[in-house]
Amino acid sequence: MPVKANIGFAMCGSFCTFSRAIAQIKRLKDEGYNVIPIMSETAYSTDTRFGTAVEFINKIESITGNKIISSITEAEPIGPKKMCDLIIAAPCTGNTIAKLSNGITDTAVAMAVKSHLRICRPVLICVSTNDALGASAKNIGGLLNTKNIYFVPMSQDDYINKPKSLVGNFEIIPECAAEVLKGVQPQPIFFS
């Protein structure tokens, strides 16, 4: 089966959503996309109660058949070599959203996105942050107004206990990717 598109799938350190993200990596692969995994250095090297770094690395590389890009040096050629048609940042933490909004490229994920954007290709962000409606709100707003940046629809995940938290709907990432590859922002951006 011919490859539909080359998708960079960039993961940041919202470890509680890794299982949801990995399920979508598998779906994208099963749907005919070549998935190039990218992980921030923290995501690539940290063991948590949600699993060990080695377990996540082995699973992701097994699903994609590709080695994970996990350093700034490895991520920099993504744009110049036109390695990806789309980059999906999922989960994308408030920390990474701030970096993208302010042009900071000190992680593999931030460099991958910057390198990709400089050749005017799309980035799809799946938010996962406890301060999206607080400190990260201005950065999300800035990115909503940035050319070639798109968002997976998002909602509050626990409005009583975490009133400022937003999480993207991981389960529709493949459908969103198909829309973004056509230049369309999936709607509604916010849902209940």
N, C-alpha and C. Protein backbone atom coordinates (compact mmCIF):
# COMPACT_ATOMS: atom_id res chain seq x y z
N MET A 1 0.84 -1.17 0.00
CA MET A 1 0.00 0.00 0.00
C MET A 1 0.89 1.24 0.00
N PRO A 2 0.62 2.22 -0.89
CA PRO A 2 1.44 3.43 -0.90
C PRO A 2 1.23 4.26 0.37
N VAL A 3 2.26 4.98 0.78
CA VAL A 3 2.19 5.82 1.97
C VAL A 3 1.32 7.04 1.67
N LYS A 4 0.34 7.31 2.56
CA LYS A 4 -0.53 8.48 2.39
C LYS A 4 0.24 9.78 2.56
N ALA A 5 1.06 9.83 3.61
CA ALA A 5 1.85 11.02 3.92
C ALA A 5 2.87 10.65 4.99
N ASN A 6 3.88 11.47 5.14
CA ASN A 6 4.87 11.30 6.20
C ASN A 6 4.49 12.22 7.36
N ILE A 7 4.21 11.61 8.50
CA ILE A 7 3.78 12.38 9.66
C ILE A 7 4.81 12.25 10.77
N GLY A 8 5.31 13.40 11.22
CA GLY A 8 6.13 13.43 12.42
C GLY A 8 5.20 13.46 13.62
N PHE A 9 5.37 12.54 14.55
CA PHE A 9 4.51 12.50 15.74
C PHE A 9 5.39 12.83 16.94
N ALA A 10 5.24 14.06 17.46
CA ALA A 10 6.12 14.61 18.48
C ALA A 10 5.44 14.56 19.85
N MET A 11 6.10 13.90 20.80
CA MET A 11 5.53 13.71 22.13
C MET A 11 6.32 14.49 23.18
N CYS A 12 5.58 15.23 24.00
CA CYS A 12 6.16 15.95 25.14
C CYS A 12 5.80 15.20 26.42
N GLY A 13 6.21 15.75 27.57
CA GLY A 13 6.13 15.02 28.83
C GLY A 13 4.82 15.00 29.58
N SER A 14 3.69 14.95 28.93
CA SER A 14 2.42 14.74 29.63
C SER A 14 2.18 13.23 29.68
N PHE A 15 2.88 12.56 30.57
CA PHE A 15 2.95 11.10 30.59
C PHE A 15 1.59 10.43 30.79
N CYS A 16 0.67 11.10 31.46
CA CYS A 16 -0.65 10.51 31.71
C CYS A 16 -1.44 10.31 30.42
N THR A 17 -1.03 10.95 29.33
CA THR A 17 -1.74 10.78 28.06
C THR A 17 -0.96 9.94 27.04
N PHE A 18 0.18 9.39 27.44
CA PHE A 18 0.99 8.62 26.50
C PHE A 18 0.23 7.44 25.90
N SER A 19 -0.53 6.72 26.69
CA SER A 19 -1.25 5.55 26.14
C SER A 19 -2.24 6.00 25.07
N ARG A 20 -2.88 7.14 25.27
CA ARG A 20 -3.82 7.67 24.28
C ARG A 20 -3.08 8.09 23.01
N ALA A 21 -1.92 8.72 23.17
CA ALA A 21 -1.13 9.15 22.02
C ALA A 21 -0.62 7.95 21.22
N ILE A 22 -0.11 6.96 21.93
CA ILE A 22 0.43 5.77 21.25
C ILE A 22 -0.65 5.02 20.48
N ALA A 23 -1.86 4.99 21.02
CA ALA A 23 -2.98 4.36 20.30
C ALA A 23 -3.23 5.07 18.97
N GLN A 24 -3.04 6.38 18.93
CA GLN A 24 -3.25 7.13 17.69
C GLN A 24 -2.08 6.97 16.72
N ILE A 25 -0.88 6.79 17.26
CA ILE A 25 0.25 6.46 16.39
C ILE A 25 -0.04 5.17 15.64
N LYS A 26 -0.57 4.19 16.36
CA LYS A 26 -0.91 2.90 15.74
C LYS A 26 -2.00 3.08 14.69
N ARG A 27 -3.03 3.86 15.02
CA ARG A 27 -4.10 4.10 14.04
C ARG A 27 -3.55 4.75 12.77
N LEU A 28 -2.71 5.77 12.94
CA LEU A 28 -2.14 6.45 11.77
C LEU A 28 -1.33 5.47 10.92
N LYS A 29 -0.53 4.66 11.58
CA LYS A 29 0.27 3.65 10.87
C LYS A 29 -0.64 2.67 10.13
N ASP A 30 -1.68 2.19 10.83
CA ASP A 30 -2.62 1.24 10.22
C ASP A 30 -3.38 1.85 9.05
N GLU A 31 -3.56 3.17 9.07
CA GLU A 31 -4.28 3.86 7.98
C GLU A 31 -3.38 4.20 6.80
N GLY A 32 -2.09 3.82 6.88
CA GLY A 32 -1.22 3.98 5.72
C GLY A 32 -0.25 5.15 5.77
N TYR A 33 -0.14 5.80 6.92
CA TYR A 33 0.82 6.89 7.06
C TYR A 33 2.18 6.34 7.51
N ASN A 34 3.26 6.96 7.07
CA ASN A 34 4.58 6.70 7.61
C ASN A 34 4.73 7.63 8.81
N VAL A 35 4.88 7.07 9.98
CA VAL A 35 4.96 7.87 11.21
C VAL A 35 6.41 7.93 11.68
N ILE A 36 6.92 9.15 11.78
CA ILE A 36 8.28 9.40 12.25
C ILE A 36 8.17 9.90 13.69
N PRO A 37 8.54 9.08 14.67
CA PRO A 37 8.38 9.50 16.06
C PRO A 37 9.45 10.48 16.51
N ILE A 38 9.00 11.46 17.30
CA ILE A 38 9.88 12.49 17.86
C ILE A 38 9.49 12.60 19.33
N MET A 39 10.47 12.67 20.21
CA MET A 39 10.18 12.84 21.63
C MET A 39 11.10 13.90 22.21
N SER A 40 10.54 14.71 23.11
CA SER A 40 11.40 15.64 23.86
C SER A 40 12.37 14.80 24.68
N GLU A 41 13.45 15.40 25.06
CA GLU A 41 14.45 14.68 25.83
C GLU A 41 13.85 14.15 27.14
N THR A 42 12.98 14.94 27.76
CA THR A 42 12.32 14.51 29.00
C THR A 42 11.41 13.32 28.73
N ALA A 43 10.59 13.40 27.71
CA ALA A 43 9.69 12.30 27.38
C ALA A 43 10.46 11.03 27.05
N TYR A 44 11.61 11.19 26.39
CA TYR A 44 12.41 10.06 25.95
C TYR A 44 13.15 9.37 27.08
N SER A 45 13.41 10.09 28.17
CA SER A 45 14.31 9.53 29.19
C SER A 45 13.73 9.38 30.59
N THR A 46 12.46 9.68 30.77
CA THR A 46 11.89 9.69 32.12
C THR A 46 11.00 8.48 32.39
N ASP A 47 11.26 7.80 33.49
CA ASP A 47 10.39 6.74 33.98
C ASP A 47 9.35 7.37 34.90
N THR A 48 8.09 6.97 34.76
CA THR A 48 7.02 7.50 35.60
C THR A 48 6.12 6.36 36.04
N ARG A 49 5.11 6.70 36.82
CA ARG A 49 4.13 5.69 37.24
C ARG A 49 3.30 5.18 36.05
N PHE A 50 3.38 5.86 34.92
CA PHE A 50 2.63 5.45 33.73
C PHE A 50 3.43 4.48 32.85
N GLY A 51 4.71 4.28 33.16
CA GLY A 51 5.55 3.36 32.41
C GLY A 51 6.98 3.86 32.35
N THR A 52 7.87 2.97 31.94
CA THR A 52 9.28 3.36 31.84
C THR A 52 9.57 3.92 30.46
N ALA A 53 10.62 4.71 30.39
CA ALA A 53 11.05 5.28 29.12
C ALA A 53 11.34 4.17 28.11
N VAL A 54 12.03 3.13 28.53
CA VAL A 54 12.39 2.04 27.63
C VAL A 54 11.13 1.35 27.08
N GLU A 55 10.14 1.14 27.92
CA GLU A 55 8.89 0.53 27.46
C GLU A 55 8.23 1.39 26.38
N PHE A 56 8.15 2.71 26.63
CA PHE A 56 7.53 3.60 25.63
C PHE A 56 8.35 3.62 24.34
N ILE A 57 9.66 3.73 24.45
CA ILE A 57 10.52 3.76 23.26
C ILE A 57 10.35 2.49 22.44
N ASN A 58 10.42 1.34 23.08
CA ASN A 58 10.28 0.07 22.36
C ASN A 58 8.93 -0.04 21.68
N LYS A 59 7.87 0.36 22.37
CA LYS A 59 6.53 0.25 21.80
C LYS A 59 6.38 1.17 20.59
N ILE A 60 6.80 2.41 20.73
CA ILE A 60 6.66 3.38 19.64
C ILE A 60 7.50 2.97 18.43
N GLU A 61 8.74 2.56 18.66
CA GLU A 61 9.59 2.15 17.53
C GLU A 61 9.08 0.87 16.88
N SER A 62 8.50 -0.02 17.67
CA SER A 62 7.92 -1.24 17.12
C SER A 62 6.71 -0.93 16.23
N ILE A 63 5.86 -0.03 16.67
CA ILE A 63 4.66 0.33 15.89
C ILE A 63 5.06 1.03 14.60
N THR A 64 5.96 2.02 14.70
CA THR A 64 6.27 2.85 13.53
C THR A 64 7.30 2.24 12.60
N GLY A 65 8.16 1.39 13.13
CA GLY A 65 9.27 0.88 12.33
C GLY A 65 10.35 1.92 12.11
N ASN A 66 10.28 3.02 12.86
CA ASN A 66 11.25 4.10 12.74
C ASN A 66 11.88 4.39 14.09
N LYS A 67 13.15 4.81 14.07
CA LYS A 67 13.85 5.21 15.29
C LYS A 67 13.33 6.57 15.74
N ILE A 68 13.20 6.75 17.03
CA ILE A 68 12.72 8.01 17.58
C ILE A 68 13.78 9.09 17.45
N ILE A 69 13.37 10.26 16.99
CA ILE A 69 14.22 11.45 16.98
C ILE A 69 14.09 12.05 18.37
N SER A 70 15.22 12.18 19.09
CA SER A 70 15.15 12.61 20.48
C SER A 70 16.17 13.68 20.87
N SER A 71 16.75 14.33 19.89
CA SER A 71 17.69 15.41 20.21
C SER A 71 17.49 16.56 19.24
N ILE A 72 17.94 17.73 19.64
CA ILE A 72 17.85 18.91 18.79
C ILE A 72 18.60 18.68 17.49
N THR A 73 19.76 18.08 17.57
CA THR A 73 20.58 17.82 16.38
C THR A 73 19.86 16.92 15.39
N GLU A 74 19.20 15.88 15.89
CA GLU A 74 18.45 14.97 15.01
C GLU A 74 17.22 15.64 14.41
N ALA A 75 16.61 16.58 15.16
CA ALA A 75 15.35 17.21 14.72
C ALA A 75 15.58 18.34 13.71
N GLU A 76 16.72 18.99 13.77
CA GLU A 76 16.95 20.17 12.92
C GLU A 76 16.77 19.92 11.43
N PRO A 77 17.21 18.76 10.87
CA PRO A 77 17.07 18.55 9.42
C PRO A 77 15.63 18.28 8.94
N ILE A 78 14.68 18.14 9.84
CA ILE A 78 13.30 17.80 9.43
C ILE A 78 12.78 18.76 8.37
N GLY A 79 12.97 20.06 8.58
CA GLY A 79 12.52 21.04 7.59
C GLY A 79 13.35 21.03 6.32
N PRO A 80 14.66 21.27 6.42
CA PRO A 80 15.48 21.32 5.20
C PRO A 80 15.40 20.07 4.34
N LYS A 81 15.25 18.91 4.96
CA LYS A 81 15.16 17.66 4.19
C LYS A 81 13.73 17.31 3.81
N LYS A 82 12.77 18.17 4.21
CA LYS A 82 11.35 17.96 3.90
C LYS A 82 10.91 16.55 4.29
N MET A 83 11.27 16.17 5.53
CA MET A 83 11.01 14.81 6.01
C MET A 83 9.54 14.54 6.31
N CYS A 84 8.76 15.58 6.62
CA CYS A 84 7.37 15.38 7.04
C CYS A 84 6.42 16.26 6.23
N ASP A 85 5.24 15.72 5.97
CA ASP A 85 4.17 16.51 5.37
C ASP A 85 3.38 17.23 6.47
N LEU A 86 3.39 16.66 7.67
CA LEU A 86 2.67 17.18 8.82
C LEU A 86 3.41 16.75 10.07
N ILE A 87 3.46 17.64 11.06
CA ILE A 87 3.93 17.24 12.39
C ILE A 87 2.75 17.36 13.34
N ILE A 88 2.54 16.31 14.12
CA ILE A 88 1.53 16.31 15.17
C ILE A 88 2.27 16.35 16.50
N ALA A 89 1.97 17.33 17.33
CA ALA A 89 2.55 17.41 18.67
C ALA A 89 1.48 16.93 19.65
N ALA A 90 1.64 15.70 20.14
CA ALA A 90 0.61 15.09 21.00
C ALA A 90 1.27 14.08 21.93
N PRO A 91 1.22 14.27 23.21
CA PRO A 91 0.67 15.43 23.90
C PRO A 91 1.59 16.64 23.78
N CYS A 92 0.99 17.81 23.76
CA CYS A 92 1.75 19.05 23.73
C CYS A 92 1.48 19.79 25.03
N THR A 93 2.50 19.89 25.85
CA THR A 93 2.38 20.48 27.18
C THR A 93 2.36 22.01 27.12
N GLY A 94 1.94 22.62 28.23
CA GLY A 94 1.97 24.07 28.33
C GLY A 94 3.38 24.61 28.17
N ASN A 95 4.36 23.87 28.65
CA ASN A 95 5.76 24.26 28.52
C ASN A 95 6.16 24.34 27.04
N THR A 96 5.81 23.33 26.27
CA THR A 96 6.15 23.34 24.84
C THR A 96 5.33 24.37 24.09
N ILE A 97 4.06 24.54 24.45
CA ILE A 97 3.24 25.57 23.82
C ILE A 97 3.89 26.94 24.03
N ALA A 98 4.37 27.21 25.24
CA ALA A 98 5.05 28.48 25.53
C ALA A 98 6.29 28.64 24.66
N LYS A 99 7.05 27.57 24.53
CA LYS A 99 8.27 27.62 23.71
C LYS A 99 7.93 27.91 22.26
N LEU A 100 6.92 27.22 21.72
CA LEU A 100 6.53 27.44 20.33
C LEU A 100 6.02 28.85 20.11
N SER A 101 5.24 29.35 21.08
CA SER A 101 4.67 30.69 20.98
C SER A 101 5.74 31.77 21.04
N ASN A 102 6.83 31.49 21.72
CA ASN A 102 7.87 32.49 21.93
C ASN A 102 9.18 32.21 21.19
N GLY A 103 9.16 31.26 20.27
CA GLY A 103 10.32 30.99 19.43
C GLY A 103 11.50 30.37 20.15
N ILE A 104 11.24 29.60 21.21
CA ILE A 104 12.31 28.94 21.95
C ILE A 104 12.47 27.52 21.41
N THR A 105 13.70 27.14 21.08
CA THR A 105 13.93 25.82 20.47
C THR A 105 14.99 25.05 21.24
N ASP A 106 14.68 24.73 22.48
CA ASP A 106 15.67 24.04 23.31
C ASP A 106 15.32 22.58 23.59
N THR A 107 14.40 22.01 22.82
CA THR A 107 14.09 20.58 22.90
C THR A 107 13.96 20.02 21.49
N ALA A 108 13.99 18.71 21.38
CA ALA A 108 13.82 18.07 20.07
C ALA A 108 12.46 18.40 19.46
N VAL A 109 11.41 18.43 20.29
CA VAL A 109 10.06 18.72 19.77
C VAL A 109 9.99 20.16 19.27
N ALA A 110 10.47 21.12 20.06
CA ALA A 110 10.43 22.52 19.63
C ALA A 110 11.24 22.72 18.35
N MET A 111 12.39 22.08 18.25
CA MET A 111 13.21 22.20 17.04
C MET A 111 12.53 21.56 15.85
N ALA A 112 11.90 20.40 16.04
CA ALA A 112 11.20 19.73 14.95
C ALA A 112 10.10 20.63 14.39
N VAL A 113 9.33 21.23 15.29
CA VAL A 113 8.23 22.11 14.86
C VAL A 113 8.80 23.35 14.16
N LYS A 114 9.80 23.98 14.74
CA LYS A 114 10.40 25.17 14.13
C LYS A 114 10.96 24.85 12.74
N SER A 115 11.69 23.77 12.65
CA SER A 115 12.31 23.36 11.39
C SER A 115 11.24 23.10 10.32
N HIS A 116 10.15 22.48 10.74
CA HIS A 116 9.04 22.16 9.84
C HIS A 116 8.28 23.41 9.40
N LEU A 117 8.03 24.31 10.35
CA LEU A 117 7.30 25.54 10.04
C LEU A 117 8.08 26.45 9.09
N ARG A 118 9.40 26.38 9.15
CA ARG A 118 10.17 27.29 8.30
C ARG A 118 10.04 26.95 6.82
N ILE A 119 9.53 25.76 6.50
CA ILE A 119 9.24 25.44 5.10
C ILE A 119 7.73 25.48 4.85
N CYS A 120 7.03 26.17 5.77
CA CYS A 120 5.59 26.46 5.62
C CYS A 120 4.72 25.22 5.55
N ARG A 121 5.04 24.22 6.36
CA ARG A 121 4.23 23.00 6.43
C ARG A 121 3.44 22.98 7.73
N PRO A 122 2.31 22.26 7.77
CA PRO A 122 1.40 22.34 8.92
C PRO A 122 1.84 21.55 10.15
N VAL A 123 1.42 22.09 11.29
CA VAL A 123 1.63 21.47 12.60
C VAL A 123 0.27 21.36 13.28
N LEU A 124 -0.03 20.18 13.80
CA LEU A 124 -1.27 19.92 14.52
C LEU A 124 -0.94 19.71 15.99
N ILE A 125 -1.50 20.54 16.86
CA ILE A 125 -1.21 20.48 18.29
C ILE A 125 -2.38 19.85 19.04
N CYS A 126 -2.06 18.86 19.87
CA CYS A 126 -3.03 18.23 20.75
C CYS A 126 -2.63 18.61 22.18
N VAL A 127 -3.30 19.61 22.71
CA VAL A 127 -2.99 20.19 24.02
C VAL A 127 -3.20 19.17 25.14
N SER A 128 -2.31 19.21 26.12
CA SER A 128 -2.48 18.46 27.36
C SER A 128 -1.75 19.23 28.45
N THR A 129 -2.49 20.14 29.12
CA THR A 129 -1.86 20.97 30.14
C THR A 129 -2.86 21.39 31.20
N ASN A 130 -2.40 21.41 32.43
CA ASN A 130 -3.24 21.80 33.55
C ASN A 130 -3.44 23.31 33.67
N ASP A 131 -2.69 24.10 32.88
CA ASP A 131 -2.84 25.56 33.00
C ASP A 131 -3.26 26.22 31.69
N ALA A 132 -3.96 25.49 30.82
CA ALA A 132 -4.38 26.02 29.52
C ALA A 132 -5.27 27.25 29.64
N LEU A 133 -6.09 27.28 30.67
CA LEU A 133 -6.98 28.42 30.87
C LEU A 133 -6.42 29.39 31.89
N GLY A 134 -5.15 29.25 32.17
CA GLY A 134 -4.42 30.13 33.09
C GLY A 134 -3.22 30.70 32.38
N ALA A 135 -2.04 30.36 32.88
CA ALA A 135 -0.79 30.92 32.35
C ALA A 135 -0.56 30.59 30.88
N SER A 136 -1.04 29.44 30.42
CA SER A 136 -0.81 29.05 29.02
C SER A 136 -1.83 29.62 28.04
N ALA A 137 -2.88 30.27 28.54
CA ALA A 137 -3.95 30.76 27.66
C ALA A 137 -3.43 31.73 26.61
N LYS A 138 -2.56 32.66 27.01
CA LYS A 138 -2.07 33.64 26.04
C LYS A 138 -1.22 32.98 24.97
N ASN A 139 -0.48 31.93 25.33
CA ASN A 139 0.35 31.24 24.34
C ASN A 139 -0.51 30.44 23.38
N ILE A 140 -1.55 29.79 23.89
CA ILE A 140 -2.49 29.07 23.01
C ILE A 140 -3.15 30.06 22.07
N GLY A 141 -3.59 31.20 22.60
CA GLY A 141 -4.20 32.23 21.77
C GLY A 141 -3.27 32.71 20.66
N GLY A 142 -2.01 32.90 21.01
CA GLY A 142 -1.04 33.32 20.00
C GLY A 142 -0.87 32.28 18.91
N LEU A 143 -0.81 31.02 19.29
CA LEU A 143 -0.65 29.95 18.30
C LEU A 143 -1.90 29.76 17.45
N LEU A 144 -3.08 30.01 18.05
CA LEU A 144 -4.32 29.93 17.26
C LEU A 144 -4.31 30.94 16.12
N ASN A 145 -3.52 31.99 16.28
CA ASN A 145 -3.44 33.05 15.29
C ASN A 145 -2.16 32.96 14.45
N THR A 146 -1.52 31.79 14.42
CA THR A 146 -0.27 31.60 13.71
C THR A 146 -0.49 30.72 12.48
N LYS A 147 -0.02 31.19 11.36
CA LYS A 147 -0.17 30.44 10.10
C LYS A 147 0.49 29.06 10.22
N ASN A 148 -0.18 28.07 9.69
CA ASN A 148 0.27 26.68 9.62
C ASN A 148 0.22 25.94 10.96
N ILE A 149 -0.38 26.55 11.99
CA ILE A 149 -0.58 25.85 13.26
C ILE A 149 -2.06 25.58 13.40
N TYR A 150 -2.39 24.33 13.71
CA TYR A 150 -3.77 23.87 13.87
C TYR A 150 -3.88 23.17 15.22
N PHE A 151 -5.10 23.06 15.71
CA PHE A 151 -5.33 22.41 17.00
C PHE A 151 -6.33 21.27 16.87
N VAL A 152 -6.06 20.18 17.59
CA VAL A 152 -7.05 19.13 17.79
C VAL A 152 -8.10 19.73 18.72
N PRO A 153 -9.39 19.56 18.44
CA PRO A 153 -10.41 20.06 19.36
C PRO A 153 -10.12 19.63 20.80
N MET A 154 -10.38 20.55 21.74
CA MET A 154 -10.01 20.31 23.14
C MET A 154 -11.15 20.69 24.08
N SER A 155 -11.08 20.14 25.29
CA SER A 155 -12.08 20.46 26.30
C SER A 155 -11.46 20.34 27.69
N GLN A 156 -12.20 20.86 28.68
CA GLN A 156 -11.77 20.70 30.06
C GLN A 156 -11.92 19.23 30.43
N ASP A 157 -10.89 18.66 31.04
CA ASP A 157 -10.93 17.24 31.37
C ASP A 157 -11.44 16.98 32.78
N ASP A 158 -11.38 17.96 33.65
CA ASP A 158 -11.87 17.80 35.03
C ASP A 158 -12.11 19.20 35.59
N TYR A 159 -13.21 19.83 35.16
CA TYR A 159 -13.43 21.24 35.47
C TYR A 159 -13.63 21.53 36.95
N ILE A 160 -13.98 20.53 37.74
CA ILE A 160 -14.15 20.75 39.18
C ILE A 160 -12.80 20.75 39.89
N ASN A 161 -12.01 19.72 39.68
CA ASN A 161 -10.73 19.59 40.37
C ASN A 161 -9.57 20.30 39.67
N LYS A 162 -9.69 20.50 38.36
CA LYS A 162 -8.63 21.16 37.59
C LYS A 162 -9.28 22.17 36.64
N PRO A 163 -9.81 23.27 37.17
CA PRO A 163 -10.62 24.19 36.36
C PRO A 163 -9.87 24.88 35.22
N LYS A 164 -8.55 24.87 35.22
CA LYS A 164 -7.79 25.54 34.15
C LYS A 164 -7.18 24.54 33.16
N SER A 165 -7.49 23.27 33.32
CA SER A 165 -6.89 22.21 32.50
C SER A 165 -7.67 21.98 31.20
N LEU A 166 -6.95 21.78 30.12
CA LEU A 166 -7.54 21.39 28.83
C LEU A 166 -6.76 20.21 28.27
N VAL A 167 -7.48 19.31 27.61
CA VAL A 167 -6.87 18.17 26.93
C VAL A 167 -7.53 18.03 25.56
N GLY A 168 -6.70 17.85 24.54
CA GLY A 168 -7.22 17.61 23.21
C GLY A 168 -7.85 16.24 23.12
N ASN A 169 -8.73 16.08 22.16
CA ASN A 169 -9.42 14.81 21.94
C ASN A 169 -8.51 13.88 21.12
N PHE A 170 -7.66 13.15 21.82
CA PHE A 170 -6.69 12.28 21.18
C PHE A 170 -7.34 11.31 20.19
N GLU A 171 -8.53 10.85 20.51
CA GLU A 171 -9.17 9.81 19.71
C GLU A 171 -9.52 10.26 18.29
N ILE A 172 -9.50 11.56 18.01
CA ILE A 172 -9.80 12.02 16.65
C ILE A 172 -8.56 12.57 15.93
N ILE A 173 -7.39 12.29 16.45
CA ILE A 173 -6.17 12.79 15.80
C ILE A 173 -6.07 12.35 14.33
N PRO A 174 -6.31 11.10 13.97
CA PRO A 174 -6.20 10.75 12.54
C PRO A 174 -7.17 11.54 11.65
N GLU A 175 -8.40 11.75 12.12
CA GLU A 175 -9.36 12.53 11.34
C GLU A 175 -8.90 13.98 11.23
N CYS A 176 -8.37 14.51 12.32
CA CYS A 176 -7.85 15.89 12.30
C CYS A 176 -6.66 16.00 11.35
N ALA A 177 -5.78 15.01 11.36
CA ALA A 177 -4.62 15.02 10.48
C ALA A 177 -5.06 15.10 9.02
N ALA A 178 -6.07 14.32 8.65
CA ALA A 178 -6.57 14.34 7.28
C ALA A 178 -7.10 15.72 6.90
N GLU A 179 -7.78 16.39 7.84
CA GLU A 179 -8.30 17.74 7.59
C GLU A 179 -7.16 18.75 7.45
N VAL A 180 -6.21 18.68 8.36
CA VAL A 180 -5.10 19.63 8.36
C VAL A 180 -4.26 19.48 7.09
N LEU A 181 -4.09 18.26 6.61
CA LEU A 181 -3.36 18.06 5.36
C LEU A 181 -4.06 18.73 4.17
N LYS A 182 -5.35 19.05 4.33
CA LYS A 182 -6.11 19.80 3.32
C LYS A 182 -6.15 21.29 3.65
N GLY A 183 -5.51 21.69 4.75
CA GLY A 183 -5.49 23.10 5.14
C GLY A 183 -6.70 23.54 5.94
N VAL A 184 -7.41 22.61 6.57
CA VAL A 184 -8.64 22.92 7.31
C VAL A 184 -8.43 22.73 8.81
N GLN A 185 -8.83 23.72 9.61
CA GLN A 185 -8.80 23.62 11.06
C GLN A 185 -10.01 22.80 11.51
N PRO A 186 -9.79 21.65 12.18
CA PRO A 186 -10.92 20.86 12.69
C PRO A 186 -11.77 21.68 13.66
N GLN A 187 -13.07 21.51 13.57
CA GLN A 187 -14.01 22.26 14.39
C GLN A 187 -14.89 21.33 15.20
N PRO A 188 -15.47 21.78 16.30
CA PRO A 188 -15.18 23.04 16.97
C PRO A 188 -13.83 22.95 17.69
N ILE A 189 -13.14 24.05 17.85
CA ILE A 189 -11.84 24.01 18.53
C ILE A 189 -12.03 23.66 19.99
N PHE A 190 -13.07 24.19 20.60
CA PHE A 190 -13.39 23.88 22.00
C PHE A 190 -14.75 23.19 22.03
N PHE A 191 -14.86 22.10 22.79
CA PHE A 191 -16.14 21.40 22.92
C PHE A 191 -16.35 21.01 24.38
N SER A 192 -17.60 20.66 24.70
CA SER A 192 -17.87 20.29 26.10
C SER A 192 -18.13 18.80 26.21
